[in-house]
Amino acid sequence: MPKLKSRRVDALLEDVLGCRWSFSVLRAVANGVHRPGALERHIEGISAKVLADRLRAFTRAGIFERTAHAEIPPRVEYRLSEFGRRFLRVTREIEKLQAELDAAKDAAQSV
């Protein structure tokens, strides 16, 4: 895992997940979409600027590992780091919690 500044979890979550596109980028990389151009095509509606920002944020946080291949034209790939795989498990639990909250809200509204 890359050496990172010590950060509070709340600051990490705010920085990394504070954008509506973060979960989409995280899921796409976790599902095997590794190159920026492929990510941009895969995630409908995301701009190149926002994608680049999210990739930088995830890399800075140690969630993604960035590999630049010495080729012409240049090729860059992003993959989940070990920390990123652990972080992904946490985000999946958050998504499950949200689904439970949504179901409870729907049930309460239908009464």
Protein backbone atom coordinates (compact mmCIF):
# COMPACT_ATOMS: atom_id res chain seq x y z
CA MET A 1 0.00 0.00 0.00
CA PRO A 2 1.42 3.44 -0.83
CA LYS A 3 2.55 5.62 2.03
CA LEU A 4 -0.26 8.04 2.81
CA LYS A 5 -0.77 10.91 5.17
CA SER A 6 -2.73 9.88 8.21
CA ARG A 7 -6.32 10.95 7.62
CA ARG A 8 -9.48 10.73 9.57
CA VAL A 9 -12.01 8.36 8.09
CA ASP A 10 -14.63 11.10 7.77
CA ALA A 11 -12.23 13.27 5.75
CA LEU A 12 -11.37 10.31 3.52
CA LEU A 13 -15.03 9.50 2.90
CA GLU A 14 -15.89 13.13 2.19
CA ASP A 15 -13.01 13.57 -0.25
CA VAL A 16 -13.43 10.29 -2.06
CA LEU A 17 -17.20 9.84 -1.95
CA GLY A 18 -18.23 13.49 -1.92
CA CYS A 19 -18.90 13.38 -5.66
CA ARG A 20 -21.93 11.76 -7.22
CA TRP A 21 -19.69 9.90 -9.69
CA SER A 22 -17.46 8.21 -7.12
CA PHE A 23 -19.45 5.00 -6.69
CA SER A 24 -19.76 4.62 -10.47
CA VAL A 25 -16.00 4.97 -10.97
CA LEU A 26 -15.21 2.65 -8.06
CA ARG A 27 -17.62 -0.03 -9.33
CA ALA A 28 -16.36 0.20 -12.91
CA VAL A 29 -12.72 -0.27 -11.90
CA ALA A 30 -13.69 -3.09 -9.53
CA ASN A 31 -15.55 -4.76 -12.43
CA GLY A 32 -12.51 -4.71 -14.71
CA VAL A 33 -12.68 -1.40 -16.59
CA HIS A 34 -9.13 -0.09 -16.10
CA ARG A 35 -8.31 2.53 -18.73
CA PRO A 36 -9.55 6.14 -18.60
CA GLY A 37 -11.04 6.11 -22.10
CA ALA A 38 -12.89 2.87 -21.41
CA LEU A 39 -14.13 4.25 -18.09
CA GLU A 40 -15.43 7.38 -19.81
CA ARG A 41 -17.33 5.25 -22.34
CA HIS A 42 -18.58 2.85 -19.65
CA ILE A 43 -19.92 5.50 -17.24
CA GLU A 44 -22.71 7.27 -19.08
CA GLY A 45 -22.69 11.04 -18.62
CA ILE A 46 -19.34 11.47 -16.85
CA SER A 47 -17.05 14.16 -18.26
CA ALA A 48 -13.33 13.61 -18.85
CA LYS A 49 -12.57 16.33 -16.28
CA VAL A 50 -14.70 14.76 -13.54
CA LEU A 51 -13.32 11.30 -14.33
CA ALA A 52 -9.73 12.57 -14.10
CA ASP A 53 -10.55 14.24 -10.77
CA ARG A 54 -12.10 11.03 -9.36
CA LEU A 55 -9.16 8.91 -10.57
CA ARG A 56 -6.73 11.33 -8.89
CA ALA A 57 -8.74 11.33 -5.65
CA PHE A 58 -8.93 7.53 -5.50
CA THR A 59 -5.22 7.22 -6.30
CA ARG A 60 -4.26 9.87 -3.74
CA ALA A 61 -6.34 8.04 -1.11
CA GLY A 62 -4.58 4.76 -1.89
CA ILE A 63 -7.75 3.10 -3.19
CA PHE A 64 -6.48 2.80 -6.78
CA GLU A 65 -3.03 1.95 -8.06
CA ARG A 66 -2.04 3.80 -11.22
CA THR A 67 0.23 2.08 -13.75
CA ALA A 68 1.71 4.09 -16.62
CA HIS A 69 3.06 1.82 -19.36
CA ALA A 70 6.07 3.04 -21.34
CA GLU A 71 4.41 2.75 -24.73
CA ILE A 72 3.56 5.00 -27.62
CA PRO A 73 0.85 6.09 -27.41
CA PRO A 74 1.02 6.20 -23.61
CA ARG A 75 -1.24 3.77 -21.76
CA VAL A 76 -2.42 4.23 -18.18
CA GLU A 77 -4.40 1.73 -16.13
CA TYR A 78 -6.08 1.92 -12.74
CA ARG A 79 -6.70 -1.05 -10.47
CA LEU A 80 -7.92 -1.49 -6.93
CA SER A 81 -5.13 -1.62 -4.38
CA GLU A 82 -5.35 -4.01 -1.42
CA PHE A 83 -6.73 -1.10 0.61
CA GLY A 84 -9.13 -0.40 -2.26
CA ARG A 85 -10.51 -3.95 -2.13
CA ARG A 86 -11.14 -3.51 1.60
CA PHE A 87 -12.68 -0.08 0.97
CA LEU A 88 -14.95 -1.58 -1.69
CA ARG A 89 -16.30 -4.08 0.85
CA VAL A 90 -17.15 -1.17 3.16
CA THR A 91 -18.93 0.73 0.38
CA ARG A 92 -20.95 -2.38 -0.48
CA GLU A 93 -22.10 -2.56 3.14
CA ILE A 94 -23.10 1.12 2.93
CA GLU A 95 -25.12 0.36 -0.22
CA LYS A 96 -26.87 -2.54 1.59
CA LEU A 97 -27.69 -0.23 4.49
CA GLN A 98 -29.12 2.35 2.07
CA ALA A 99 -31.29 -0.33 0.45
CA GLU A 100 -32.60 -1.35 3.89
CA LEU A 101 -33.35 2.28 4.76
CA ASP A 102 -35.14 2.80 1.44
CA ALA A 103 -37.23 -0.34 1.97
CA ALA A 104 -38.19 0.75 5.49
CA LYS A 105 -39.13 4.22 4.22
CA ASP A 106 -41.24 2.74 1.41
CA ALA A 107 -42.98 0.41 3.88
CA ALA A 108 -43.73 3.31 6.24
CA GLN A 109 -45.14 5.44 3.42
CA SER A 110 -47.44 2.67 2.20
CA VAL A 111 -49.13 2.33 5.61
